[in-house]
Amino acid sequence: HARQGRMIGDMTAADPERQVLFVGSVNCLRHKPFTEIGKQMQAGRASILCPSMSDFSSGRYLTQVKEAIVELSEERNTKKFLIVCGCQWVILSTDGDLILRELKDEYGIDAEIFEDDHLEFGDHE
């Protein structure tokens, strides 16, 4: 799982303009695949969005993700993002492709979702 953490770092190192947005519970950041995000935050290259349980259950988090990325895009002067998702995103079967299309079509923002198998192979056991 350290491979996955380095992969987040590799993905941002390969593209210095790319910002990371982690979406989920801050508790998820203790899981092995996400330990790299703290380093990215220290470098000013990552942010955390922690929707509430009611945000997740109502679907409001979908709007929050787009709004956060648009705000960060303006604030940090970049149109490139890597979205890293916590368990809630995966459990709710979030349509990430729709979010990516909307960001591209409406704001010209290129985003990618970090695919992770942490629910199956991570440290949730």
C-alpha atoms as a PDB file:
ATOM      1  CA  HIS A   1       0.000   0.000   0.000  1.00  0.00           C
ATOM      2  CA  ALA A   2       2.982   2.290   0.283  1.00  0.00           C
ATOM      3  CA  ARG A   3       3.089   1.943  -3.522  1.00  0.00           C
ATOM      4  CA  GLN A   4      -0.271   3.688  -3.725  1.00  0.00           C
ATOM      5  CA  GLY A   5       0.872   6.544  -1.480  1.00  0.00           C
ATOM      6  CA  ARG A   6       3.926   7.077  -3.642  1.00  0.00           C
ATOM      7  CA  MET A   7       1.697   6.925  -6.679  1.00  0.00           C
ATOM      8  CA  ILE A   8      -0.211  10.015  -5.515  1.00  0.00           C
ATOM      9  CA  GLY A   9       3.134  11.757  -5.087  1.00  0.00           C
ATOM     10  CA  ASP A  10       4.330  10.517  -8.473  1.00  0.00           C
ATOM     11  CA  MET A  11       1.177  11.795 -10.143  1.00  0.00           C
ATOM     12  CA  THR A  12       1.617  15.267  -8.693  1.00  0.00           C
ATOM     13  CA  ALA A  13       5.398  15.321  -9.214  1.00  0.00           C
ATOM     14  CA  ALA A  14       4.888  14.525 -12.897  1.00  0.00           C
ATOM     15  CA  ASP A  15       2.641  17.580 -13.226  1.00  0.00           C
ATOM     16  CA  PRO A  16       3.640  20.479 -10.936  1.00  0.00           C
ATOM     17  CA  GLU A  17       0.375  22.340 -11.623  1.00  0.00           C
ATOM     18  CA  ARG A  18      -1.834  19.455 -10.440  1.00  0.00           C
ATOM     19  CA  GLN A  19      -3.636  19.910  -7.137  1.00  0.00           C
ATOM     20  CA  VAL A  20      -5.044  17.091  -5.018  1.00  0.00           C
ATOM     21  CA  LEU A  21      -8.502  17.242  -3.466  1.00  0.00           C
ATOM     22  CA  PHE A  22      -9.228  14.520  -0.926  1.00  0.00           C
ATOM     23  CA  VAL A  23     -12.982  13.958  -0.440  1.00  0.00           C
ATOM     24  CA  GLY A  24     -14.036  12.020   2.641  1.00  0.00           C
ATOM     25  CA  SER A  25     -13.629  11.757   6.363  1.00  0.00           C
ATOM     26  CA  VAL A  26     -10.404  13.150   7.754  1.00  0.00           C
ATOM     27  CA  ASN A  27     -10.090   9.804   9.590  1.00  0.00           C
ATOM     28  CA  CYS A  28      -9.547   8.136   6.205  1.00  0.00           C
ATOM     29  CA  LEU A  29      -6.225   9.937   5.894  1.00  0.00           C
ATOM     30  CA  ARG A  30      -4.727   7.559   8.462  1.00  0.00           C
ATOM     31  CA  HIS A  31      -5.130   4.661   6.027  1.00  0.00           C
ATOM     32  CA  LYS A  32      -2.010   3.627   4.208  1.00  0.00           C
ATOM     33  CA  PRO A  33      -2.983   4.638   0.669  1.00  0.00           C
ATOM     34  CA  PHE A  34      -3.521   8.242   1.753  1.00  0.00           C
ATOM     35  CA  THR A  35      -0.471   9.026   3.890  1.00  0.00           C
ATOM     36  CA  GLU A  36       1.131  10.928   1.006  1.00  0.00           C
ATOM     37  CA  ILE A  37      -1.625  13.553   1.108  1.00  0.00           C
ATOM     38  CA  GLY A  38      -0.243  15.131   4.288  1.00  0.00           C
ATOM     39  CA  LYS A  39       3.052  15.771   2.520  1.00  0.00           C
ATOM     40  CA  GLN A  40       1.195  17.255  -0.422  1.00  0.00           C
ATOM     41  CA  MET A  41      -0.717  19.562   1.948  1.00  0.00           C
ATOM     42  CA  GLN A  42       2.535  20.795   3.491  1.00  0.00           C
ATOM     43  CA  ALA A  43       3.734  21.665  -0.004  1.00  0.00           C
ATOM     44  CA  GLY A  44       0.496  23.577  -0.712  1.00  0.00           C
ATOM     45  CA  ARG A  45      -0.596  21.038  -3.322  1.00  0.00           C
ATOM     46  CA  ALA A  46      -3.502  19.305  -1.582  1.00  0.00           C
ATOM     47  CA  SER A  47      -6.743  20.155   0.179  1.00  0.00           C
ATOM     48  CA  ILE A  48      -9.342  18.191   2.105  1.00  0.00           C
ATOM     49  CA  LEU A  49     -13.116  18.329   1.687  1.00  0.00           C
ATOM     50  CA  CYS A  50     -14.957  16.577   4.526  1.00  0.00           C
ATOM     51  CA  PRO A  51     -18.666  16.424   3.708  1.00  0.00           C
ATOM     52  CA  SER A  52     -20.971  15.573   6.615  1.00  0.00           C
ATOM     53  CA  MET A  53     -22.988  12.380   6.743  1.00  0.00           C
ATOM     54  CA  SER A  54     -26.077  14.355   5.722  1.00  0.00           C
ATOM     55  CA  ASP A  55     -24.113  15.812   2.781  1.00  0.00           C
ATOM     56  CA  PHE A  56     -23.273  12.308   1.635  1.00  0.00           C
ATOM     57  CA  SER A  57     -26.745  10.875   2.235  1.00  0.00           C
ATOM     58  CA  SER A  58     -28.485  13.758   0.432  1.00  0.00           C
ATOM     59  CA  GLY A  59     -26.047  13.866  -2.477  1.00  0.00           C
ATOM     60  CA  ARG A  60     -25.078  17.448  -1.600  1.00  0.00           C
ATOM     61  CA  TYR A  61     -21.414  16.356  -1.607  1.00  0.00           C
ATOM     62  CA  LEU A  62     -21.492  16.180  -5.423  1.00  0.00           C
ATOM     63  CA  THR A  63     -22.066  19.934  -5.634  1.00  0.00           C
ATOM     64  CA  GLN A  64     -19.539  20.541  -2.848  1.00  0.00           C
ATOM     65  CA  VAL A  65     -16.824  18.691  -4.784  1.00  0.00           C
ATOM     66  CA  LYS A  66     -17.379  20.784  -7.901  1.00  0.00           C
ATOM     67  CA  GLU A  67     -17.552  24.038  -5.918  1.00  0.00           C
ATOM     68  CA  ALA A  68     -14.364  23.191  -4.009  1.00  0.00           C
ATOM     69  CA  ILE A  69     -12.443  22.406  -7.184  1.00  0.00           C
ATOM     70  CA  VAL A  70     -13.645  25.569  -8.922  1.00  0.00           C
ATOM     71  CA  GLU A  71     -12.661  27.665  -5.886  1.00  0.00           C
ATOM     72  CA  LEU A  72      -9.255  25.991  -5.601  1.00  0.00           C
ATOM     73  CA  SER A  73      -8.710  26.384  -9.334  1.00  0.00           C
ATOM     74  CA  GLU A  74      -9.184  30.142  -9.057  1.00  0.00           C
ATOM     75  CA  GLU A  75      -7.250  30.459  -5.800  1.00  0.00           C
ATOM     76  CA  ARG A  76      -4.251  28.377  -6.910  1.00  0.00           C
ATOM     77  CA  ASN A  77      -4.349  29.307 -10.586  1.00  0.00           C
ATOM     78  CA  THR A  78      -4.548  25.789 -11.998  1.00  0.00           C
ATOM     79  CA  LYS A  79      -6.942  23.773 -14.125  1.00  0.00           C
ATOM     80  CA  LYS A  80      -5.510  20.345 -13.207  1.00  0.00           C
ATOM     81  CA  PHE A  81      -6.731  18.211 -10.312  1.00  0.00           C
ATOM     82  CA  LEU A  82      -6.485  14.760  -8.861  1.00  0.00           C
ATOM     83  CA  ILE A  83      -9.533  13.762  -6.812  1.00  0.00           C
ATOM     84  CA  VAL A  84      -8.788  11.213  -4.115  1.00  0.00           C
ATOM     85  CA  CYS A  85     -11.835   9.592  -2.577  1.00  0.00           C
ATOM     86  CA  GLY A  86     -12.571   8.148   0.837  1.00  0.00           C
ATOM     87  CA  CYS A  87     -14.802   5.169   1.554  1.00  0.00           C
ATOM     88  CA  GLN A  88     -18.047   7.128   1.396  1.00  0.00           C
ATOM     89  CA  TRP A  89     -17.506   8.010  -2.262  1.00  0.00           C
ATOM     90  CA  VAL A  90     -16.899   4.347  -3.123  1.00  0.00           C
ATOM     91  CA  ILE A  91     -19.765   2.956  -1.031  1.00  0.00           C
ATOM     92  CA  LEU A  92     -22.236   5.404  -2.610  1.00  0.00           C
ATOM     93  CA  SER A  93     -21.105   4.391  -6.117  1.00  0.00           C
ATOM     94  CA  THR A  94     -20.427   8.021  -7.001  1.00  0.00           C
ATOM     95  CA  ASP A  95     -20.521   8.787 -10.716  1.00  0.00           C
ATOM     96  CA  GLY A  96     -17.071  10.306 -10.915  1.00  0.00           C
ATOM     97  CA  ASP A  97     -17.135  10.415 -14.708  1.00  0.00           C
ATOM     98  CA  LEU A  98     -20.111  12.780 -14.592  1.00  0.00           C
ATOM     99  CA  ILE A  99     -18.294  15.120 -12.199  1.00  0.00           C
ATOM    100  CA  LEU A 100     -15.190  15.072 -14.409  1.00  0.00           C
ATOM    101  CA  ARG A 101     -17.249  15.881 -17.531  1.00  0.00           C
ATOM    102  CA  GLU A 102     -19.060  18.738 -15.795  1.00  0.00           C
ATOM    103  CA  LEU A 103     -15.787  20.233 -14.528  1.00  0.00           C
ATOM    104  CA  LYS A 104     -14.326  20.052 -18.035  1.00  0.00           C
ATOM    105  CA  ASP A 105     -17.402  21.293 -19.896  1.00  0.00           C
ATOM    106  CA  GLU A 106     -18.439  24.054 -17.481  1.00  0.00           C
ATOM    107  CA  TYR A 107     -15.060  25.298 -16.200  1.00  0.00           C
ATOM    108  CA  GLY A 108     -12.333  23.905 -18.469  1.00  0.00           C
ATOM    109  CA  ILE A 109     -10.865  22.005 -15.527  1.00  0.00           C
ATOM    110  CA  ASP A 110      -9.071  18.719 -16.194  1.00  0.00           C
ATOM    111  CA  ALA A 111      -9.578  16.390 -13.269  1.00  0.00           C
ATOM    112  CA  GLU A 112      -8.769  12.742 -12.744  1.00  0.00           C
ATOM    113  CA  ILE A 113      -9.967  10.392 -10.036  1.00  0.00           C
ATOM    114  CA  PHE A 114      -7.338   8.405  -8.183  1.00  0.00           C
ATOM    115  CA  GLU A 115      -8.488   4.809  -8.416  1.00  0.00           C
ATOM    116  CA  ASP A 116      -7.770   2.929  -5.224  1.00  0.00           C
ATOM    117  CA  ASP A 117      -8.648  -0.518  -3.963  1.00  0.00           C
ATOM    118  CA  HIS A 118      -8.319   0.382  -0.273  1.00  0.00           C
ATOM    119  CA  LEU A 119     -11.737  -0.997   0.656  1.00  0.00           C
ATOM    120  CA  GLU A 120     -10.763  -4.423  -0.580  1.00  0.00           C
ATOM    121  CA  PHE A 121      -7.037  -4.542   0.055  1.00  0.00           C
ATOM    122  CA  GLY A 122      -6.351  -1.734   2.501  1.00  0.00           C
ATOM    123  CA  ASP A 123      -6.203  -1.625   6.255  1.00  0.00           C
ATOM    124  CA  HIS A 124      -9.962  -1.711   6.921  1.00  0.00           C
ATOM    125  CA  GLU A 125      -9.897  -5.309   8.119  1.00  0.00           C
END
